[in-house]
Amino acid sequence: MNKRELELAAILLKMASDEFSNHGCNDLDLPPDWTREECDKFTLALDTWNGSPQDNKPGKRSTMDSSAMAYLAAMLKLAAKTA
């Protein structure tokens, strides 16, 4: 992806995050082919970015969809700065 595509993807994910945060159920099951280590790394990074690393629970295979989208949007925006 080029810089502009990364920026646009970040904007769209942030918009989706805002919309999804208003849904009744915000569960997101992480992909079944992710290892426990991959899930733990992702959820810890997300919780740390969100300012709540103390809430991290290793072994969890789910998180909130809107939080995951907001985190990924921030990571895409950061990637766009270095692209």
PDB file of N, CA and C in Angstrom:
ATOM      1  N   MET A   1       0.843  -1.173   0.000  1.00  0.00           N
ATOM      2  CA  MET A   1       0.000   0.000   0.000  1.00  0.00           C
ATOM      3  C   MET A   1       0.891   1.239   0.000  1.00  0.00           C
ATOM      4  N   ASN A   2       0.440   2.242  -0.718  1.00  0.00           N
ATOM      5  CA  ASN A   2       1.203   3.485  -0.707  1.00  0.00           C
ATOM      6  C   ASN A   2       0.719   4.370   0.451  1.00  0.00           C
ATOM      7  N   LYS A   3       1.403   5.487   0.648  1.00  0.00           N
ATOM      8  CA  LYS A   3       1.114   6.383   1.763  1.00  0.00           C
ATOM      9  C   LYS A   3      -0.344   6.841   1.774  1.00  0.00           C
ATOM     10  N   ARG A   4      -0.864   7.267   0.640  1.00  0.00           N
ATOM     11  CA  ARG A   4      -2.245   7.765   0.578  1.00  0.00           C
ATOM     12  C   ARG A   4      -3.261   6.658   0.883  1.00  0.00           C
ATOM     13  N   GLU A   5      -2.987   5.445   0.411  1.00  0.00           N
ATOM     14  CA  GLU A   5      -3.885   4.320   0.695  1.00  0.00           C
ATOM     15  C   GLU A   5      -3.871   3.976   2.185  1.00  0.00           C
ATOM     16  N   LEU A   6      -2.702   4.019   2.787  1.00  0.00           N
ATOM     17  CA  LEU A   6      -2.605   3.774   4.223  1.00  0.00           C
ATOM     18  C   LEU A   6      -3.376   4.829   5.007  1.00  0.00           C
ATOM     19  N   GLU A   7      -3.226   6.082   4.604  1.00  0.00           N
ATOM     20  CA  GLU A   7      -3.944   7.172   5.271  1.00  0.00           C
ATOM     21  C   GLU A   7      -5.455   6.987   5.146  1.00  0.00           C
ATOM     22  N   LEU A   8      -5.908   6.638   3.952  1.00  0.00           N
ATOM     23  CA  LEU A   8      -7.341   6.439   3.727  1.00  0.00           C
ATOM     24  C   LEU A   8      -7.861   5.246   4.526  1.00  0.00           C
ATOM     25  N   ALA A   9      -7.107   4.172   4.546  1.00  0.00           N
ATOM     26  CA  ALA A   9      -7.513   3.000   5.326  1.00  0.00           C
ATOM     27  C   ALA A   9      -7.622   3.356   6.807  1.00  0.00           C
ATOM     28  N   ALA A  10      -6.689   4.163   7.292  1.00  0.00           N
ATOM     29  CA  ALA A  10      -6.739   4.597   8.693  1.00  0.00           C
ATOM     30  C   ALA A  10      -7.985   5.431   8.965  1.00  0.00           C
ATOM     31  N   ILE A  11      -8.312   6.344   8.068  1.00  0.00           N
ATOM     32  CA  ILE A  11      -9.509   7.182   8.224  1.00  0.00           C
ATOM     33  C   ILE A  11     -10.765   6.315   8.243  1.00  0.00           C
ATOM     34  N   LEU A  12     -10.852   5.377   7.306  1.00  0.00           N
ATOM     35  CA  LEU A  12     -12.033   4.514   7.223  1.00  0.00           C
ATOM     36  C   LEU A  12     -12.168   3.612   8.447  1.00  0.00           C
ATOM     37  N   LEU A  13     -11.048   3.075   8.922  1.00  0.00           N
ATOM     38  CA  LEU A  13     -11.118   2.229  10.113  1.00  0.00           C
ATOM     39  C   LEU A  13     -11.523   3.029  11.339  1.00  0.00           C
ATOM     40  N   LYS A  14     -11.044   4.263  11.443  1.00  0.00           N
ATOM     41  CA  LYS A  14     -11.432   5.110  12.570  1.00  0.00           C
ATOM     42  C   LYS A  14     -12.931   5.407  12.511  1.00  0.00           C
ATOM     43  N   MET A  15     -13.447   5.691  11.322  1.00  0.00           N
ATOM     44  CA  MET A  15     -14.885   5.917  11.163  1.00  0.00           C
ATOM     45  C   MET A  15     -15.668   4.667  11.564  1.00  0.00           C
ATOM     46  N   ALA A  16     -15.210   3.513  11.118  1.00  0.00           N
ATOM     47  CA  ALA A  16     -15.874   2.255  11.458  1.00  0.00           C
ATOM     48  C   ALA A  16     -15.818   2.014  12.964  1.00  0.00           C
ATOM     49  N   SER A  17     -14.695   2.327  13.577  1.00  0.00           N
ATOM     50  CA  SER A  17     -14.548   2.167  15.019  1.00  0.00           C
ATOM     51  C   SER A  17     -15.581   2.999  15.764  1.00  0.00           C
ATOM     52  N   ASP A  18     -15.739   4.244  15.354  1.00  0.00           N
ATOM     53  CA  ASP A  18     -16.725   5.123  15.986  1.00  0.00           C
ATOM     54  C   ASP A  18     -18.134   4.548  15.853  1.00  0.00           C
ATOM     55  N   GLU A  19     -18.457   4.021  14.677  1.00  0.00           N
ATOM     56  CA  GLU A  19     -19.787   3.450  14.436  1.00  0.00           C
ATOM     57  C   GLU A  19     -19.981   2.161  15.236  1.00  0.00           C
ATOM     58  N   PHE A  20     -19.000   1.281  15.210  1.00  0.00           N
ATOM     59  CA  PHE A  20     -19.118  -0.004  15.885  1.00  0.00           C
ATOM     60  C   PHE A  20     -19.172   0.149  17.398  1.00  0.00           C
ATOM     61  N   SER A  21     -18.595   1.216  17.935  1.00  0.00           N
ATOM     62  CA  SER A  21     -18.610   1.398  19.390  1.00  0.00           C
ATOM     63  C   SER A  21     -20.023   1.604  19.910  1.00  0.00           C
ATOM     64  N   ASN A  22     -20.964   1.925  19.029  1.00  0.00           N
ATOM     65  CA  ASN A  22     -22.359   2.124  19.424  1.00  0.00           C
ATOM     66  C   ASN A  22     -23.212   0.872  19.272  1.00  0.00           C
ATOM     67  N   HIS A  23     -22.627  -0.225  18.820  1.00  0.00           N
ATOM     68  CA  HIS A  23     -23.378  -1.474  18.668  1.00  0.00           C
ATOM     69  C   HIS A  23     -23.556  -2.139  20.024  1.00  0.00           C
ATOM     70  N   GLY A  24     -24.554  -2.954  20.128  1.00  0.00           N
ATOM     71  CA  GLY A  24     -24.826  -3.653  21.383  1.00  0.00           C
ATOM     72  C   GLY A  24     -23.762  -4.675  21.737  1.00  0.00           C
ATOM     73  N   CYS A  25     -23.269  -5.390  20.780  1.00  0.00           N
ATOM     74  CA  CYS A  25     -22.247  -6.411  21.011  1.00  0.00           C
ATOM     75  C   CYS A  25     -20.974  -5.998  20.288  1.00  0.00           C
ATOM     76  N   ASN A  26     -19.905  -5.926  21.036  1.00  0.00           N
ATOM     77  CA  ASN A  26     -18.643  -5.473  20.453  1.00  0.00           C
ATOM     78  C   ASN A  26     -17.565  -6.553  20.461  1.00  0.00           C
ATOM     79  N   ASP A  27     -17.973  -7.808  20.534  1.00  0.00           N
ATOM     80  CA  ASP A  27     -17.003  -8.894  20.587  1.00  0.00           C
ATOM     81  C   ASP A  27     -16.345  -9.113  19.230  1.00  0.00           C
ATOM     82  N   LEU A  28     -15.054  -9.296  19.259  1.00  0.00           N
ATOM     83  CA  LEU A  28     -14.286  -9.662  18.072  1.00  0.00           C
ATOM     84  C   LEU A  28     -13.438 -10.869  18.427  1.00  0.00           C
ATOM     85  N   ASP A  29     -13.727 -12.001  17.801  1.00  0.00           N
ATOM     86  CA  ASP A  29     -12.895 -13.184  17.974  1.00  0.00           C
ATOM     87  C   ASP A  29     -11.710 -13.050  17.029  1.00  0.00           C
ATOM     88  N   LEU A  30     -10.513 -13.189  17.584  1.00  0.00           N
ATOM     89  CA  LEU A  30      -9.313 -13.108  16.752  1.00  0.00           C
ATOM     90  C   LEU A  30      -9.266 -14.328  15.833  1.00  0.00           C
ATOM     91  N   PRO A  31      -8.597 -14.203  14.692  1.00  0.00           N
ATOM     92  CA  PRO A  31      -8.589 -15.303  13.715  1.00  0.00           C
ATOM     93  C   PRO A  31      -8.163 -16.630  14.333  1.00  0.00           C
ATOM     94  N   PRO A  32      -8.838 -17.705  13.977  1.00  0.00           N
ATOM     95  CA  PRO A  32      -8.555 -19.008  14.591  1.00  0.00           C
ATOM     96  C   PRO A  32      -7.159 -19.546  14.266  1.00  0.00           C
ATOM     97  N   ASP A  33      -6.547 -19.048  13.199  1.00  0.00           N
ATOM     98  CA  ASP A  33      -5.213 -19.540  12.861  1.00  0.00           C
ATOM     99  C   ASP A  33      -4.100 -18.760  13.572  1.00  0.00           C
ATOM    100  N   TRP A  34      -4.459 -17.754  14.385  1.00  0.00           N
ATOM    101  CA  TRP A  34      -3.454 -17.047  15.182  1.00  0.00           C
ATOM    102  C   TRP A  34      -3.059 -17.926  16.364  1.00  0.00           C
ATOM    103  N   THR A  35      -1.770 -17.938  16.674  1.00  0.00           N
ATOM    104  CA  THR A  35      -1.298 -18.678  17.842  1.00  0.00           C
ATOM    105  C   THR A  35      -1.645 -17.899  19.108  1.00  0.00           C
ATOM    106  N   ARG A  36      -1.510 -18.579  20.229  1.00  0.00           N
ATOM    107  CA  ARG A  36      -1.743 -17.883  21.508  1.00  0.00           C
ATOM    108  C   ARG A  36      -0.780 -16.709  21.634  1.00  0.00           C
ATOM    109  N   GLU A  37       0.467 -16.900  21.223  1.00  0.00           N
ATOM    110  CA  GLU A  37       1.458 -15.832  21.310  1.00  0.00           C
ATOM    111  C   GLU A  37       1.062 -14.630  20.451  1.00  0.00           C
ATOM    112  N   GLU A  38       0.535 -14.892  19.263  1.00  0.00           N
ATOM    113  CA  GLU A  38       0.093 -13.800  18.390  1.00  0.00           C
ATOM    114  C   GLU A  38      -1.089 -13.045  19.008  1.00  0.00           C
ATOM    115  N   CYS A  39      -2.026 -13.794  19.579  1.00  0.00           N
ATOM    116  CA  CYS A  39      -3.174 -13.164  20.240  1.00  0.00           C
ATOM    117  C   CYS A  39      -2.708 -12.327  21.435  1.00  0.00           C
ATOM    118  N   ASP A  40      -1.825 -12.902  22.245  1.00  0.00           N
ATOM    119  CA  ASP A  40      -1.323 -12.186  23.425  1.00  0.00           C
ATOM    120  C   ASP A  40      -0.569 -10.917  23.021  1.00  0.00           C
ATOM    121  N   LYS A  41       0.243 -11.016  21.983  1.00  0.00           N
ATOM    122  CA  LYS A  41       1.009  -9.853  21.524  1.00  0.00           C
ATOM    123  C   LYS A  41       0.064  -8.752  21.026  1.00  0.00           C
ATOM    124  N   PHE A  42      -0.949  -9.138  20.250  1.00  0.00           N
ATOM    125  CA  PHE A  42      -1.888  -8.163  19.711  1.00  0.00           C
ATOM    126  C   PHE A  42      -2.697  -7.500  20.817  1.00  0.00           C
ATOM    127  N   THR A  43      -3.273  -8.313  21.723  1.00  0.00           N
ATOM    128  CA  THR A  43      -4.117  -7.725  22.767  1.00  0.00           C
ATOM    129  C   THR A  43      -3.299  -6.875  23.740  1.00  0.00           C
ATOM    130  N   LEU A  44      -2.057  -7.258  24.023  1.00  0.00           N
ATOM    131  CA  LEU A  44      -1.217  -6.431  24.886  1.00  0.00           C
ATOM    132  C   LEU A  44      -0.882  -5.104  24.202  1.00  0.00           C
ATOM    133  N   ALA A  45      -0.548  -5.159  22.908  1.00  0.00           N
ATOM    134  CA  ALA A  45      -0.257  -3.921  22.170  1.00  0.00           C
ATOM    135  C   ALA A  45      -1.487  -3.017  22.143  1.00  0.00           C
ATOM    136  N   LEU A  46      -2.656  -3.603  21.909  1.00  0.00           N
ATOM    137  CA  LEU A  46      -3.896  -2.832  21.872  1.00  0.00           C
ATOM    138  C   LEU A  46      -4.177  -2.209  23.242  1.00  0.00           C
ATOM    139  N   ASP A  47      -4.097  -3.013  24.298  1.00  0.00           N
ATOM    140  CA  ASP A  47      -4.373  -2.494  25.643  1.00  0.00           C
ATOM    141  C   ASP A  47      -3.350  -1.438  26.065  1.00  0.00           C
ATOM    142  N   THR A  48      -2.098  -1.621  25.689  1.00  0.00           N
ATOM    143  CA  THR A  48      -1.063  -0.633  26.001  1.00  0.00           C
ATOM    144  C   THR A  48      -1.337   0.662  25.261  1.00  0.00           C
ATOM    145  N   TRP A  49      -1.638   0.572  23.973  1.00  0.00           N
ATOM    146  CA  TRP A  49      -1.974   1.761  23.172  1.00  0.00           C
ATOM    147  C   TRP A  49      -3.192   2.470  23.764  1.00  0.00           C
ATOM    148  N   ASN A  50      -4.138   1.695  24.256  1.00  0.00           N
ATOM    149  CA  ASN A  50      -5.377   2.236  24.825  1.00  0.00           C
ATOM    150  C   ASN A  50      -5.163   2.822  26.228  1.00  0.00           C
ATOM    151  N   GLY A  51      -3.967   2.657  26.772  1.00  0.00           N
ATOM    152  CA  GLY A  51      -3.661   3.200  28.093  1.00  0.00           C
ATOM    153  C   GLY A  51      -4.100   2.319  29.250  1.00  0.00           C
ATOM    154  N   SER A  52      -4.371   1.052  28.947  1.00  0.00           N
ATOM    155  CA  SER A  52      -4.838   0.152  30.011  1.00  0.00           C
ATOM    156  C   SER A  52      -4.143  -1.208  29.957  1.00  0.00           C
ATOM    157  N   PRO A  53      -2.798  -1.226  29.984  1.00  0.00           N
ATOM    158  CA  PRO A  53      -2.108  -2.523  29.912  1.00  0.00           C
ATOM    159  C   PRO A  53      -2.452  -3.433  31.091  1.00  0.00           C
ATOM    160  N   GLN A  54      -2.876  -2.839  32.213  1.00  0.00           N
ATOM    161  CA  GLN A  54      -3.245  -3.638  33.383  1.00  0.00           C
ATOM    162  C   GLN A  54      -4.491  -4.488  33.123  1.00  0.00           C
ATOM    163  N   ASP A  55      -5.269  -4.135  32.109  1.00  0.00           N
ATOM    164  CA  ASP A  55      -6.470  -4.902  31.770  1.00  0.00           C
ATOM    165  C   ASP A  55      -6.178  -6.117  30.895  1.00  0.00           C
ATOM    166  N   ASN A  56      -4.947  -6.247  30.438  1.00  0.00           N
ATOM    167  CA  ASN A  56      -4.610  -7.351  29.537  1.00  0.00           C
ATOM    168  C   ASN A  56      -4.693  -8.685  30.258  1.00  0.00           C
ATOM    169  N   LYS A  57      -5.304  -9.643  29.571  1.00  0.00           N
ATOM    170  CA  LYS A  57      -5.436 -10.992  30.108  1.00  0.00           C
ATOM    171  C   LYS A  57      -4.845 -11.980  29.099  1.00  0.00           C
ATOM    172  N   PRO A  58      -3.603 -12.423  29.323  1.00  0.00           N
ATOM    173  CA  PRO A  58      -3.000 -13.382  28.405  1.00  0.00           C
ATOM    174  C   PRO A  58      -3.891 -14.612  28.220  1.00  0.00           C
ATOM    175  N   GLY A  59      -3.908 -15.117  27.012  1.00  0.00           N
ATOM    176  CA  GLY A  59      -4.717 -16.283  26.687  1.00  0.00           C
ATOM    177  C   GLY A  59      -6.081 -15.933  26.120  1.00  0.00           C
ATOM    178  N   LYS A  60      -6.431 -14.640  26.140  1.00  0.00           N
ATOM    179  CA  LYS A  60      -7.706 -14.209  25.565  1.00  0.00           C
ATOM    180  C   LYS A  60      -7.644 -14.294  24.050  1.00  0.00           C
ATOM    181  N   ARG A  61      -8.690 -14.788  23.440  1.00  0.00           N
ATOM    182  CA  ARG A  61      -8.741 -14.874  21.979  1.00  0.00           C
ATOM    183  C   ARG A  61      -9.778 -13.909  21.418  1.00  0.00           C
ATOM    184  N   SER A  62     -10.201 -12.943  22.250  1.00  0.00           N
ATOM    185  CA  SER A  62     -11.177 -11.974  21.773  1.00  0.00           C
ATOM    186  C   SER A  62     -10.872 -10.605  22.370  1.00  0.00           C
ATOM    187  N   THR A  63     -11.460  -9.604  21.741  1.00  0.00           N
ATOM    188  CA  THR A  63     -11.331  -8.226  22.207  1.00  0.00           C
ATOM    189  C   THR A  63     -12.552  -7.465  21.692  1.00  0.00           C
ATOM    190  N   MET A  64     -12.566  -6.179  21.886  1.00  0.00           N
ATOM    191  CA  MET A  64     -13.674  -5.364  21.386  1.00  0.00           C
ATOM    192  C   MET A  64     -13.374  -4.945  19.946  1.00  0.00           C
ATOM    193  N   ASP A  65     -14.347  -5.110  19.071  1.00  0.00           N
ATOM    194  CA  ASP A  65     -14.135  -4.776  17.660  1.00  0.00           C
ATOM    195  C   ASP A  65     -13.786  -3.307  17.460  1.00  0.00           C
ATOM    196  N   SER A  66     -14.472  -2.405  18.143  1.00  0.00           N
ATOM    197  CA  SER A  66     -14.208  -0.975  17.941  1.00  0.00           C
ATOM    198  C   SER A  66     -12.815  -0.595  18.434  1.00  0.00           C
ATOM    199  N   SER A  67     -12.361  -1.211  19.513  1.00  0.00           N
ATOM    200  CA  SER A  67     -11.012  -0.942  20.013  1.00  0.00           C
ATOM    201  C   SER A  67      -9.959  -1.455  19.040  1.00  0.00           C
ATOM    202  N   ALA A  68     -10.191  -2.647  18.499  1.00  0.00           N
ATOM    203  CA  ALA A  68      -9.246  -3.207  17.528  1.00  0.00           C
ATOM    204  C   ALA A  68      -9.170  -2.328  16.285  1.00  0.00           C
ATOM    205  N   MET A  69     -10.318  -1.837  15.821  1.00  0.00           N
ATOM    206  CA  MET A  69     -10.329  -0.962  14.643  1.00  0.00           C
ATOM    207  C   MET A  69      -9.604   0.349  14.923  1.00  0.00           C
ATOM    208  N   ALA A  70      -9.846   0.933  16.089  1.00  0.00           N
ATOM    209  CA  ALA A  70      -9.180   2.193  16.438  1.00  0.00           C
ATOM    210  C   ALA A  70      -7.667   1.995  16.530  1.00  0.00           C
ATOM    211  N   TYR A  71      -7.248   0.891  17.134  1.00  0.00           N
ATOM    212  CA  TYR A  71      -5.821   0.581  17.245  1.00  0.00           C
ATOM    213  C   TYR A  71      -5.192   0.387  15.862  1.00  0.00           C
ATOM    214  N   LEU A  72      -5.841  -0.429  15.033  1.00  0.00           N
ATOM    215  CA  LEU A  72      -5.306  -0.659  13.687  1.00  0.00           C
ATOM    216  C   LEU A  72      -5.293   0.630  12.863  1.00  0.00           C
ATOM    217  N   ALA A  73      -6.293   1.479  13.040  1.00  0.00           N
ATOM    218  CA  ALA A  73      -6.311   2.770  12.351  1.00  0.00           C
ATOM    219  C   ALA A  73      -5.099   3.604  12.761  1.00  0.00           C
ATOM    220  N   ALA A  74      -4.799   3.617  14.052  1.00  0.00           N
ATOM    221  CA  ALA A  74      -3.632   4.369  14.534  1.00  0.00           C
ATOM    222  C   ALA A  74      -2.335   3.782  13.979  1.00  0.00           C
ATOM    223  N   MET A  75      -2.266   2.454  13.900  1.00  0.00           N
ATOM    224  CA  MET A  75      -1.050   1.806  13.376  1.00  0.00           C
ATOM    225  C   MET A  75      -0.886   2.076  11.872  1.00  0.00           C
ATOM    226  N   LEU A  76      -2.002   2.098  11.129  1.00  0.00           N
ATOM    227  CA  LEU A  76      -1.937   2.427   9.710  1.00  0.00           C
ATOM    228  C   LEU A  76      -1.508   3.875   9.501  1.00  0.00           C
ATOM    229  N   LYS A  77      -2.031   4.758  10.329  1.00  0.00           N
ATOM    230  CA  LYS A  77      -1.656   6.172  10.238  1.00  0.00           C
ATOM    231  C   LYS A  77      -0.166   6.344  10.501  1.00  0.00           C
ATOM    232  N   LEU A  78       0.335   5.620  11.492  1.00  0.00           N
ATOM    233  CA  LEU A  78       1.767   5.644  11.797  1.00  0.00           C
ATOM    234  C   LEU A  78       2.580   5.070  10.640  1.00  0.00           C
ATOM    235  N   ALA A  79       2.109   3.984  10.066  1.00  0.00           N
ATOM    236  CA  ALA A  79       2.805   3.373   8.924  1.00  0.00           C
ATOM    237  C   ALA A  79       2.827   4.320   7.727  1.00  0.00           C
ATOM    238  N   ALA A  80       1.754   5.092   7.552  1.00  0.00           N
ATOM    239  CA  ALA A  80       1.681   6.037   6.436  1.00  0.00           C
ATOM    240  C   ALA A  80       2.747   7.131   6.576  1.00  0.00           C
ATOM    241  N   LYS A  81       3.072   7.491   7.807  1.00  0.00           N
ATOM    242  CA  LYS A  81       4.085   8.526   8.037  1.00  0.00           C
ATOM    243  C   LYS A  81       5.473   8.069   7.608  1.00  0.00           C
ATOM    244  N   THR A  82       5.705   6.772   7.649  1.00  0.00           N
ATOM    245  CA  THR A  82       7.024   6.243   7.284  1.00  0.00           C
ATOM    246  C   THR A  82       7.047   5.665   5.880  1.00  0.00           C
ATOM    247  N   ALA A  83       5.888   5.672   5.204  1.00  0.00           N
ATOM    248  CA  ALA A  83       5.819   5.098   3.841  1.00  0.00           C
ATOM    249  C   ALA A  83       6.353   6.077   2.814  1.00  0.00           C
TER     250      ALA A  83
END
